[in-house]
């Protein structure tokens, strides 16, 4: 008899009219607890509830909208209102991006050591909201010609600190699916796709709506909208607390556990291999960082009128999430079924096939940017008409497509391959790679400006420089990174999973 056999019999005797399915509802198998600290019931908690999934997705959308609403015109604000040069503004934005992508590592430690994923997500998101409120105030003062640059940068880095909630949120969302139940475990992969789909929707709304408000009404007005959005997200997320699943206990210092696992032979996870694959993500992230800075500066020097309508330079980034949404459907509904039939692999593409394709596409995006910039400069020096900003669409579309392959694949790989009690830390590693990539981008811009001089590749006036050469430098680094990825992926040893022979049975039950 199972562990609950005596309880089932006793309950049946108390109420013989109950049918077997009504006598005891199925509990989750991974030991998760409900809001009240009791074993979680599978049908009443977690990913089996539509309200739970919607609450998480709405929160992710609001987070994405508020974060990207701040990010995309930040470089232009620093140049036009704070008086920074193009290179200095791009470096400042890269450093800030690096810090706010580093903070998830800190919050991951707090999450696993002290607060748990739900409390860490809530507390950190409130800090983020607090910083955003003060950033809105500081920008309003700057727009009123009040000297508040110090408050601007303090608030900016409070936001960077608070942004760390994305790591426990990502892991907490995956926790809503029972890893020991074959049906729910198979749905976890869809969760990562929906996570990025929701994030991309937030990005699209930021670029279509928030950036437009920034351009028409001012940066401060848009920031107040972003503040309202994150408040809405926090409210929706916290209101569903009674229906989430929670880890049964805290598991101690994640960094100490990582070192202990690394020193033990025969561990089920190839931690050294995970680290090598992760290292290859830094150059990818350095290339992706250009969408926040140099792509925007490039657009500002192009013809931004389309049919009599003035297009804000940062709005071209909207083709990034549009590309993500389109490619997500194509990937999930077309490419995966075809690859499943061709390879017999449950995911269609292996992790490394998906990530490798994404690296190639991102390198192609940098090549497109380089060709466009060379053509733009030629037109300027020959005193011909400006190139229309819509010619940036191909490079943004390729960046978006690369995310569907590489970025989502990296997140799923890190969460999937990490030991179960290190998954918050592994989620943070995905954001850490973005942090290091942003720092690398800032370093590359800084060192390039230093070596080539004020009238070199990235001068204050880009019409007198050669930004195309910098983009070709990124292409070269991208090719080298792809070769490194091939070498590291071939050495990797995967964890054992549900046999492929069981895959069709699982899909049939979903």
Protein backbone atom coordinates (compact mmCIF):
# COMPACT_ATOMS: atom_id res chain seq x y z
CA UNK A 1 0.00 0.00 0.00
CA UNK A 2 1.26 3.53 -0.86
CA UNK A 3 2.27 6.12 1.72
CA UNK A 4 -1.27 7.56 1.82
CA UNK A 5 -3.07 4.20 1.86
CA UNK A 6 -4.16 4.31 5.52
CA UNK A 7 -5.40 7.88 5.13
CA UNK A 8 -7.41 6.91 2.02
CA UNK A 9 -9.03 4.01 3.86
CA UNK A 10 -9.85 6.16 6.90
CA UNK A 11 -11.38 8.89 4.72
CA UNK A 12 -13.44 6.31 2.83
CA UNK A 13 -14.80 4.92 6.09
CA UNK A 14 -15.73 8.44 7.26
CA UNK A 15 -17.62 9.19 4.05
CA UNK A 16 -18.45 6.07 2.03
CA UNK A 17 -20.43 8.12 -0.51
CA UNK A 18 -17.26 9.74 -1.89
CA UNK A 19 -16.02 8.34 -5.19
CA UNK A 20 -12.34 7.26 -5.33
CA UNK A 21 -11.29 10.40 -7.30
CA UNK A 22 -13.08 12.62 -4.81
CA UNK A 23 -11.64 10.91 -1.73
CA UNK A 24 -8.10 12.20 -2.25
CA UNK A 25 -6.96 14.75 -4.76
CA UNK A 26 -3.61 14.14 -6.41
CA UNK A 27 -0.64 15.87 -4.76
CA UNK A 28 2.38 17.12 -6.66
CA UNK A 29 5.24 14.64 -6.60
CA UNK A 30 8.20 16.99 -6.18
CA UNK A 31 7.37 17.95 -2.60
CA UNK A 32 6.12 21.47 -3.33
CA UNK A 33 3.92 23.17 -0.74
CA UNK A 34 0.91 25.43 -1.09
CA UNK A 35 0.48 28.90 0.42
CA UNK A 36 -0.48 27.46 3.79
CA UNK A 37 2.53 25.13 4.03
CA UNK A 38 0.59 21.94 3.20
CA UNK A 39 1.49 19.56 0.36
CA UNK A 40 0.31 21.22 -2.88
CA UNK A 41 -2.68 19.73 -4.70
CA UNK A 42 -1.82 19.36 -8.39
CA UNK A 43 -5.18 20.53 -9.78
CA UNK A 44 -5.50 23.57 -7.50
CA UNK A 45 -2.00 25.05 -7.67
CA UNK A 46 0.79 25.88 -10.06
CA UNK A 47 0.82 25.58 -13.82
CA UNK A 48 -2.40 23.54 -13.94
CA UNK A 49 -4.33 26.72 -13.11
CA UNK A 50 -4.89 29.23 -15.91
CA UNK A 51 -4.93 32.14 -13.43
CA UNK A 52 -1.47 31.21 -12.17
CA UNK A 53 0.02 31.14 -15.65
CA UNK A 54 -1.69 34.42 -16.58
CA UNK A 55 -0.50 36.14 -13.39
CA UNK A 56 3.12 35.21 -14.13
CA UNK A 57 2.89 36.18 -17.80
CA UNK A 58 1.24 39.54 -17.03
CA UNK A 59 3.93 40.27 -14.45
CA UNK A 60 6.66 39.40 -16.96
CA UNK A 61 5.01 41.62 -19.58
CA UNK A 62 4.81 44.58 -17.18
CA UNK A 63 8.43 44.06 -16.08
CA UNK A 64 9.59 43.95 -19.69
CA UNK A 65 7.57 47.03 -20.66
CA UNK A 66 8.94 49.10 -17.78
CA UNK A 67 12.56 47.99 -18.20
CA UNK A 68 12.73 48.47 -21.95
CA UNK A 69 10.79 51.71 -21.68
CA UNK A 70 13.72 53.02 -19.66
CA UNK A 71 16.46 51.44 -21.75
CA UNK A 72 15.88 52.29 -25.36
CA UNK A 73 15.96 56.09 -25.31
CA UNK A 74 18.42 56.28 -22.42
CA UNK A 75 21.41 56.85 -24.70
CA UNK A 76 19.69 59.72 -26.53
CA UNK A 77 18.62 61.32 -23.23
CA UNK A 78 22.21 61.26 -21.99
CA UNK A 79 23.43 62.90 -25.20
CA UNK A 80 20.70 65.53 -25.58
CA UNK A 81 19.94 66.42 -21.94
CA UNK A 82 23.08 65.51 -19.97
CA UNK A 83 25.57 66.58 -22.63
CA UNK A 84 27.51 63.31 -22.95
CA UNK A 85 29.31 62.38 -26.16
CA UNK A 86 28.07 59.47 -28.30
CA UNK A 87 30.88 57.19 -27.13
CA UNK A 88 30.49 58.22 -23.47
CA UNK A 89 26.71 57.72 -23.56
CA UNK A 90 27.05 54.31 -25.23
CA UNK A 91 29.63 53.30 -22.60
CA UNK A 92 27.42 54.51 -19.72
CA UNK A 93 24.42 52.57 -21.06
CA UNK A 94 26.54 49.45 -21.52
CA UNK A 95 27.85 49.72 -17.95
CA UNK A 96 24.34 50.21 -16.59
CA UNK A 97 23.07 47.24 -18.61
CA UNK A 98 25.95 45.23 -17.21
CA UNK A 99 25.10 46.13 -13.61
CA UNK A 100 21.38 45.44 -13.94
CA UNK A 101 22.14 42.06 -15.53
CA UNK A 102 24.63 41.29 -12.74
CA UNK A 103 22.12 41.90 -9.93
CA UNK A 104 20.16 38.65 -10.57
CA UNK A 105 23.18 36.77 -9.24
CA UNK A 106 22.93 38.62 -5.93
CA UNK A 107 19.17 38.13 -5.71
CA UNK A 108 19.61 34.42 -6.56
CA UNK A 109 21.85 34.08 -3.51
CA UNK A 110 19.30 35.86 -1.28
CA UNK A 111 16.50 33.78 -2.75
CA UNK A 112 18.04 30.38 -2.09
CA UNK A 113 19.72 31.28 1.20
CA UNK A 114 17.15 33.41 3.02
CA UNK A 115 13.87 34.49 1.47
CA UNK A 116 12.79 31.86 -1.04
CA UNK A 117 11.90 32.62 -4.65
CA UNK A 118 8.50 34.24 -4.12
CA UNK A 119 9.59 36.65 -1.37
CA UNK A 120 12.84 37.48 -3.18
CA UNK A 121 10.91 38.27 -6.36
CA UNK A 122 8.42 40.47 -4.52
CA UNK A 123 11.00 42.35 -2.41
CA UNK A 124 13.37 42.98 -5.31
CA UNK A 125 10.57 44.14 -7.63
CA UNK A 126 9.48 46.67 -5.00
CA UNK A 127 13.05 48.05 -4.88
CA UNK A 128 12.92 48.27 -8.67
CA UNK A 129 9.63 50.20 -8.48
CA UNK A 130 11.11 52.55 -5.87
CA UNK A 131 14.12 53.30 -8.10
CA UNK A 132 11.91 53.87 -11.12
CA UNK A 133 9.81 56.39 -9.19
CA UNK A 134 12.91 58.39 -8.27
CA UNK A 135 14.27 58.16 -11.82
CA UNK A 136 11.00 59.65 -13.08
CA UNK A 137 11.34 62.50 -10.60
CA UNK A 138 15.00 63.16 -11.46
CA UNK A 139 14.29 63.27 -15.21
CA UNK A 140 11.39 65.64 -14.61
CA UNK A 141 13.79 67.95 -12.72
CA UNK A 142 16.37 67.77 -15.53
CA UNK A 143 13.67 68.62 -18.08
CA UNK A 144 12.80 71.63 -15.91
CA UNK A 145 16.52 72.60 -16.08
CA UNK A 146 17.11 71.77 -12.41
CA UNK A 147 20.52 70.21 -11.74
CA UNK A 148 19.64 66.64 -10.70
CA UNK A 149 22.20 64.55 -12.57
CA UNK A 150 23.37 62.91 -9.32
CA UNK A 151 19.81 61.81 -8.49
CA UNK A 152 19.42 60.50 -12.04
CA UNK A 153 22.41 58.17 -11.75
CA UNK A 154 21.58 57.08 -8.16
CA UNK A 155 18.03 56.15 -9.21
CA UNK A 156 19.35 54.45 -12.34
CA UNK A 157 21.50 52.10 -10.27
CA UNK A 158 18.75 51.45 -7.70
CA UNK A 159 16.74 50.20 -10.69
CA UNK A 160 19.72 48.08 -11.71
CA UNK A 161 19.82 46.52 -8.24
CA UNK A 162 16.09 45.87 -8.15
CA UNK A 163 16.06 44.30 -11.61
CA UNK A 164 17.58 41.18 -10.04
CA UNK A 165 14.08 39.84 -9.35
CA UNK A 166 13.95 38.39 -12.86
CA UNK A 167 16.13 35.41 -11.83
CA UNK A 168 13.94 34.07 -8.98
CA UNK A 169 10.85 34.94 -11.05
CA UNK A 170 12.09 32.81 -13.96
CA UNK A 171 12.88 29.87 -11.66
CA UNK A 172 9.69 30.37 -9.62
CA UNK A 173 7.63 30.16 -12.80
CA UNK A 174 9.32 26.89 -13.79
CA UNK A 175 8.66 25.58 -10.24
CA UNK A 176 4.95 25.69 -10.99
CA UNK A 177 5.41 22.55 -13.09
CA UNK A 178 6.02 19.23 -11.34
CA UNK A 179 9.34 17.92 -12.63
CA UNK A 180 8.47 14.40 -11.44
CA UNK A 181 5.26 14.27 -13.45
CA UNK A 182 5.96 13.42 -17.10
CA UNK A 183 3.15 15.58 -18.49
CA UNK A 184 4.01 18.70 -16.46
CA UNK A 185 7.74 18.18 -17.04
CA UNK A 186 7.15 18.24 -20.81
CA UNK A 187 5.19 21.48 -20.44
CA UNK A 188 8.14 23.21 -18.78
CA UNK A 189 9.75 23.74 -22.20
CA UNK A 190 6.62 25.56 -23.37
CA UNK A 191 6.81 27.71 -20.27
CA UNK A 192 10.21 29.07 -21.33
CA UNK A 193 8.83 29.89 -24.78
CA UNK A 194 5.82 31.67 -23.27
CA UNK A 195 8.10 33.47 -20.83
CA UNK A 196 10.06 34.97 -23.69
CA UNK A 197 6.90 35.56 -25.73
CA UNK A 198 5.48 37.65 -22.86
CA UNK A 199 8.78 39.48 -22.43
CA UNK A 200 8.82 40.28 -26.15
CA UNK A 201 5.25 41.58 -26.00
CA UNK A 202 6.34 43.93 -23.22
CA UNK A 203 9.27 45.05 -25.35
CA UNK A 204 6.96 45.69 -28.31
CA UNK A 205 4.57 47.75 -26.19
CA UNK A 206 7.52 49.71 -24.83
CA UNK A 207 8.84 50.50 -28.29
CA UNK A 208 5.48 51.31 -29.84
CA UNK A 209 3.90 53.10 -26.89
CA UNK A 210 6.47 54.20 -24.31
CA UNK A 211 9.10 55.36 -26.79
CA UNK A 212 6.41 57.33 -28.64
CA UNK A 213 5.42 59.03 -25.36
CA UNK A 214 9.10 59.80 -24.71
CA UNK A 215 9.42 61.39 -28.12
CA UNK A 216 6.20 63.44 -27.91
CA UNK A 217 5.71 64.24 -24.21
CA UNK A 218 9.17 63.82 -22.75
CA UNK A 219 11.20 61.14 -21.04
CA UNK A 220 9.67 61.83 -17.61
CA UNK A 221 6.09 61.21 -18.82
CA UNK A 222 7.11 57.86 -20.26
CA UNK A 223 8.88 56.90 -17.03
CA UNK A 224 5.74 57.59 -14.99
CA UNK A 225 3.90 55.21 -17.35
CA UNK A 226 6.61 52.60 -16.73
CA UNK A 227 6.21 53.06 -12.97
CA UNK A 228 2.46 52.49 -13.24
CA UNK A 229 3.08 49.36 -15.32
CA UNK A 230 5.42 47.72 -12.80
CA UNK A 231 3.00 48.56 -9.96
CA UNK A 232 0.26 46.82 -11.92
CA UNK A 233 2.49 43.78 -12.46
CA UNK A 234 3.44 43.53 -8.78
CA UNK A 235 -0.24 43.71 -7.80
CA UNK A 236 -1.25 40.93 -10.20
CA UNK A 237 1.69 38.74 -9.15
CA UNK A 238 1.11 39.08 -5.40
CA UNK A 239 -2.68 38.68 -5.65
CA UNK A 240 -2.24 35.13 -6.91
CA UNK A 241 -0.01 34.06 -4.00
CA UNK A 242 -2.51 31.52 -2.63
CA UNK A 243 -2.40 29.49 -5.84
CA UNK A 244 1.36 29.18 -6.40
CA UNK A 245 3.55 26.22 -5.51
CA UNK A 246 6.48 26.84 -3.17
CA UNK A 247 9.70 24.93 -2.58
CA UNK A 248 9.44 22.86 0.61
CA UNK A 249 12.50 24.48 2.23
CA UNK A 250 15.49 26.72 1.67
CA UNK A 251 18.59 24.80 0.68
CA UNK A 252 21.44 26.95 1.97
CA UNK A 253 24.21 28.89 0.27
CA UNK A 254 24.00 28.16 -3.49
CA UNK A 255 27.63 29.12 -4.10
CA UNK A 256 28.85 26.71 -1.40
CA UNK A 257 26.74 23.93 -2.91
CA UNK A 258 28.16 24.71 -6.33
CA UNK A 259 31.72 24.35 -5.02
CA UNK A 260 30.84 21.13 -3.20
CA UNK A 261 29.31 19.64 -6.32
CA UNK A 262 32.27 20.72 -8.39
CA UNK A 263 34.64 18.90 -6.04
CA UNK A 264 32.70 15.63 -6.05
CA UNK A 265 33.33 13.17 -8.82
CA UNK A 266 30.42 11.44 -10.48
CA UNK A 267 28.02 14.38 -10.18
CA UNK A 268 25.00 13.99 -12.46
CA UNK A 269 25.54 17.42 -14.03
CA UNK A 270 28.54 18.43 -16.16
CA UNK A 271 29.15 21.72 -14.34
CA UNK A 272 32.43 22.35 -16.16
CA UNK A 273 30.68 21.81 -19.48
CA UNK A 274 27.83 24.13 -18.49
CA UNK A 275 30.37 26.83 -17.65
CA UNK A 276 32.13 26.47 -21.01
CA UNK A 277 28.85 26.75 -22.92
CA UNK A 278 27.90 29.76 -20.80
CA UNK A 279 31.23 31.49 -21.51
CA UNK A 280 30.40 31.41 -25.21
CA UNK A 281 27.33 33.58 -24.60
CA UNK A 282 29.32 36.72 -23.75
CA UNK A 283 30.19 37.76 -27.30
CA UNK A 284 26.57 37.12 -28.33
CA UNK A 285 25.40 39.46 -25.58
CA UNK A 286 27.97 42.10 -26.57
CA UNK A 287 26.48 42.08 -30.07
CA UNK A 288 22.92 42.19 -28.70
CA UNK A 289 23.83 45.22 -26.57
CA UNK A 290 24.20 47.33 -29.73
CA UNK A 291 20.41 47.47 -30.11
CA UNK A 292 20.29 49.72 -27.02
CA UNK A 293 23.05 52.07 -28.12
CA UNK A 294 24.81 52.16 -31.47
CA UNK A 295 21.79 50.98 -33.48
CA UNK A 296 19.81 53.88 -31.98
CA UNK A 297 22.60 56.38 -32.70
CA UNK A 298 22.82 55.04 -36.26
CA UNK A 299 19.05 55.51 -36.72
CA UNK A 300 19.20 59.10 -35.43
CA UNK A 301 21.37 60.04 -38.45
CA UNK A 302 19.04 58.51 -41.03
CA UNK A 303 15.86 59.78 -42.67
CA UNK A 304 13.27 59.11 -39.94
CA UNK A 305 10.21 60.26 -41.91
CA UNK A 306 7.90 57.55 -43.22
CA UNK A 307 4.86 58.75 -45.16
CA UNK A 308 5.00 62.13 -43.48
CA UNK A 309 5.19 60.56 -40.03
CA UNK A 310 8.28 61.12 -37.89
CA UNK A 311 9.56 57.79 -36.50
CA UNK A 312 11.43 58.02 -33.16
CA UNK A 313 14.93 56.53 -33.69
CA UNK A 314 14.51 53.94 -30.91
CA UNK A 315 11.17 52.72 -32.33
CA UNK A 316 12.90 50.63 -35.00
CA UNK A 317 13.71 48.28 -32.15
CA UNK A 318 10.04 47.25 -32.35
CA UNK A 319 10.95 45.01 -35.27
CA UNK A 320 13.07 43.01 -32.82
CA UNK A 321 10.09 41.74 -30.74
CA UNK A 322 7.88 41.50 -33.83
CA UNK A 323 10.51 39.20 -35.30
CA UNK A 324 10.60 37.25 -32.04
CA UNK A 325 6.82 36.75 -32.05
CA UNK A 326 6.80 35.64 -35.69
CA UNK A 327 9.79 33.35 -35.30
CA UNK A 328 8.35 31.87 -32.10
CA UNK A 329 5.27 30.70 -34.01
CA UNK A 330 7.33 29.46 -36.97
CA UNK A 331 9.74 27.67 -34.63
CA UNK A 332 7.07 26.02 -32.48
CA UNK A 333 4.51 25.16 -35.17
CA UNK A 334 6.67 24.50 -38.24
CA UNK A 335 10.33 23.86 -37.51
CA UNK A 336 9.94 21.74 -34.36
CA UNK A 337 7.42 19.26 -35.89
CA UNK A 338 9.59 18.90 -38.99
CA UNK A 339 12.72 18.31 -36.93
CA UNK A 340 10.92 15.84 -34.65
CA UNK A 341 10.04 13.70 -37.64
CA UNK A 342 13.55 14.04 -39.09
CA UNK A 343 15.56 13.40 -35.91
CA UNK A 344 13.16 11.73 -33.47
CA UNK A 345 14.27 14.21 -30.80
CA UNK A 346 11.48 15.34 -28.43
CA UNK A 347 12.40 19.02 -28.68
CA UNK A 348 12.93 18.90 -32.45
CA UNK A 349 16.22 20.74 -32.17
CA UNK A 350 18.82 19.79 -29.60
CA UNK A 351 19.92 22.57 -27.26
CA UNK A 352 23.14 23.06 -29.20
CA UNK A 353 21.54 23.00 -32.64
CA UNK A 354 19.15 25.72 -31.51
CA UNK A 355 21.85 27.83 -29.88
CA UNK A 356 24.34 27.40 -32.74
CA UNK A 357 21.75 28.62 -35.26
CA UNK A 358 21.12 31.66 -33.07
CA UNK A 359 24.81 32.57 -33.03
CA UNK A 360 24.94 32.48 -36.82
CA UNK A 361 21.84 34.66 -37.16
CA UNK A 362 23.17 37.27 -34.67
CA UNK A 363 26.47 37.49 -36.55
CA UNK A 364 24.45 38.05 -39.71
CA UNK A 365 22.66 40.95 -38.00
CA UNK A 366 25.98 42.67 -37.29
CA UNK A 367 27.01 42.18 -40.92
CA UNK A 368 23.75 43.82 -42.05
CA UNK A 369 24.41 46.78 -39.74
CA UNK A 370 27.93 47.15 -41.14
CA UNK A 371 26.77 47.13 -44.77
CA UNK A 372 23.99 49.64 -44.02
CA UNK A 373 26.36 51.99 -42.17
CA UNK A 374 28.88 51.89 -45.03
CA UNK A 375 26.11 52.81 -47.46
CA UNK A 376 24.82 55.58 -45.17
CA UNK A 377 28.29 57.11 -44.88
CA UNK A 378 28.81 56.93 -48.65
CA UNK A 379 25.54 58.78 -49.25
CA UNK A 380 26.47 61.44 -46.69
CA UNK A 381 29.93 62.12 -48.13
CA UNK A 382 28.58 62.12 -51.70
CA UNK A 383 25.85 64.56 -50.58
CA UNK A 384 23.09 62.21 -51.69
CA UNK A 385 19.72 61.72 -49.99
CA UNK A 386 19.71 60.14 -46.54
CA UNK A 387 18.91 56.45 -46.36
CA UNK A 388 15.48 55.84 -44.84
CA UNK A 389 15.51 54.40 -41.34
CA UNK A 390 13.34 51.47 -42.46
CA UNK A 391 16.49 49.92 -43.93
CA UNK A 392 17.37 49.02 -40.34
CA UNK A 393 14.53 46.49 -40.28
CA UNK A 394 16.65 43.54 -41.54
CA UNK A 395 19.26 43.87 -38.79
CA UNK A 396 16.60 44.17 -36.06
CA UNK A 397 14.63 41.25 -37.52
CA UNK A 398 17.77 39.09 -37.44
CA UNK A 399 18.50 40.09 -33.83
CA UNK A 400 14.95 39.05 -32.87
CA UNK A 401 15.22 35.76 -34.73
CA UNK A 402 18.53 34.99 -33.04
CA UNK A 403 16.89 35.35 -29.61
CA UNK A 404 14.30 32.68 -30.39
CA UNK A 405 17.10 30.27 -31.18
CA UNK A 406 20.00 31.25 -28.95
CA UNK A 407 18.67 33.16 -25.97
CA UNK A 408 15.64 30.98 -25.21
CA UNK A 409 17.75 27.91 -25.88
CA UNK A 410 20.41 29.12 -23.44
CA UNK A 411 17.88 29.77 -20.65
CA UNK A 412 16.28 26.36 -21.09
CA UNK A 413 19.68 24.67 -21.28
CA UNK A 414 20.94 26.29 -18.06
CA UNK A 415 17.76 25.52 -16.10
CA UNK A 416 17.40 22.02 -17.54
CA UNK A 417 20.97 20.86 -17.07
CA UNK A 418 21.66 22.36 -13.64
CA UNK A 419 21.22 20.30 -10.45
CA UNK A 420 17.71 20.81 -9.03
CA UNK A 421 18.91 22.80 -6.00
CA UNK A 422 20.99 25.18 -8.14
CA UNK A 423 18.32 26.24 -10.61
CA UNK A 424 17.84 29.78 -9.31
CA UNK A 425 21.57 30.29 -9.66
CA UNK A 426 21.49 28.81 -13.16
CA UNK A 427 18.67 31.19 -14.14
CA UNK A 428 20.80 34.06 -12.83
CA UNK A 429 23.69 32.88 -15.04
CA UNK A 430 21.59 33.64 -18.12
CA UNK A 431 21.34 37.26 -16.99
CA UNK A 432 24.97 37.29 -15.85
CA UNK A 433 26.04 36.52 -19.40
CA UNK A 434 24.06 39.57 -20.54
CA UNK A 435 25.84 41.59 -17.85
CA UNK A 436 29.31 40.49 -18.91
CA UNK A 437 28.35 41.01 -22.54
CA UNK A 438 27.27 44.58 -21.82
CA UNK A 439 30.53 45.28 -20.00
CA UNK A 440 32.37 43.73 -22.95
CA UNK A 441 30.44 45.99 -25.33
CA UNK A 442 31.35 49.05 -23.26
CA UNK A 443 34.99 47.94 -23.19
CA UNK A 444 35.05 47.41 -26.96
CA UNK A 445 33.50 50.82 -27.63
CA UNK A 446 35.86 52.50 -25.16
CA UNK A 447 39.04 50.81 -26.38
CA UNK A 448 38.07 51.39 -30.02
CA UNK A 449 37.51 55.10 -29.38
CA UNK A 450 40.78 55.30 -27.47
CA UNK A 451 42.84 53.57 -30.17
CA UNK A 452 41.28 55.24 -33.21
CA UNK A 453 41.00 58.71 -31.60
CA UNK A 454 38.29 61.36 -31.52
CA UNK A 455 38.09 61.37 -35.32
CA UNK A 456 38.28 57.56 -35.53
CA UNK A 457 35.62 54.88 -35.77
CA UNK A 458 33.14 56.24 -33.18
CA UNK A 459 33.56 60.05 -32.94
CA UNK A 460 31.05 62.50 -31.48
CA UNK A 461 29.73 63.08 -35.00
CA UNK A 462 29.27 59.61 -36.50
CA UNK A 463 29.21 61.11 -39.99
CA UNK A 464 32.96 61.73 -39.58
CA UNK A 465 33.71 58.20 -38.34
CA UNK A 466 33.56 54.59 -39.43
CA UNK A 467 30.96 52.84 -37.29
CA UNK A 468 30.81 50.20 -40.03
CA UNK A 469 34.34 49.10 -39.11
CA UNK A 470 33.22 48.54 -35.51
CA UNK A 471 30.32 46.40 -36.70
CA UNK A 472 32.74 44.33 -38.83
CA UNK A 473 34.85 43.86 -35.70
CA UNK A 474 31.80 42.37 -33.99
CA UNK A 475 31.25 40.07 -36.99
CA UNK A 476 34.82 38.78 -36.63
CA UNK A 477 34.30 38.16 -32.92
CA UNK A 478 31.01 36.42 -33.70
CA UNK A 479 32.67 33.95 -36.07
CA UNK A 480 35.40 33.22 -33.51
CA UNK A 481 32.75 32.74 -30.82
CA UNK A 482 30.82 30.28 -33.02
CA UNK A 483 33.97 28.16 -33.45
CA UNK A 484 34.51 28.21 -29.66
CA UNK A 485 30.88 27.15 -29.16
CA UNK A 486 31.30 24.21 -31.52
CA UNK A 487 34.36 23.02 -29.63
CA UNK A 488 32.79 23.35 -26.16
CA UNK A 489 29.45 21.77 -27.16
CA UNK A 490 31.15 18.66 -28.54
CA UNK A 491 32.75 17.99 -25.15
CA UNK A 492 29.51 18.34 -23.18
CA UNK A 493 27.87 15.34 -21.46
CA UNK A 494 24.10 15.57 -21.02
CA UNK A 495 22.01 14.52 -18.03
CA UNK A 496 19.71 11.53 -18.36
CA UNK A 497 16.02 12.22 -19.05
CA UNK A 498 12.75 10.59 -19.92
CA UNK A 499 13.47 8.05 -22.71
CA UNK A 500 12.58 9.22 -26.20
CA UNK A 501 10.37 6.14 -26.56
CA UNK A 502 8.09 7.68 -23.94
CA UNK A 503 7.87 11.01 -25.74
CA UNK A 504 4.83 10.26 -27.93
CA UNK A 505 2.93 8.92 -24.91
CA UNK A 506 3.65 12.15 -23.03
CA UNK A 507 2.58 14.37 -25.93
CA UNK A 508 -0.61 12.35 -26.29
CA UNK A 509 -1.52 13.07 -22.67
CA UNK A 510 -0.86 16.83 -22.90
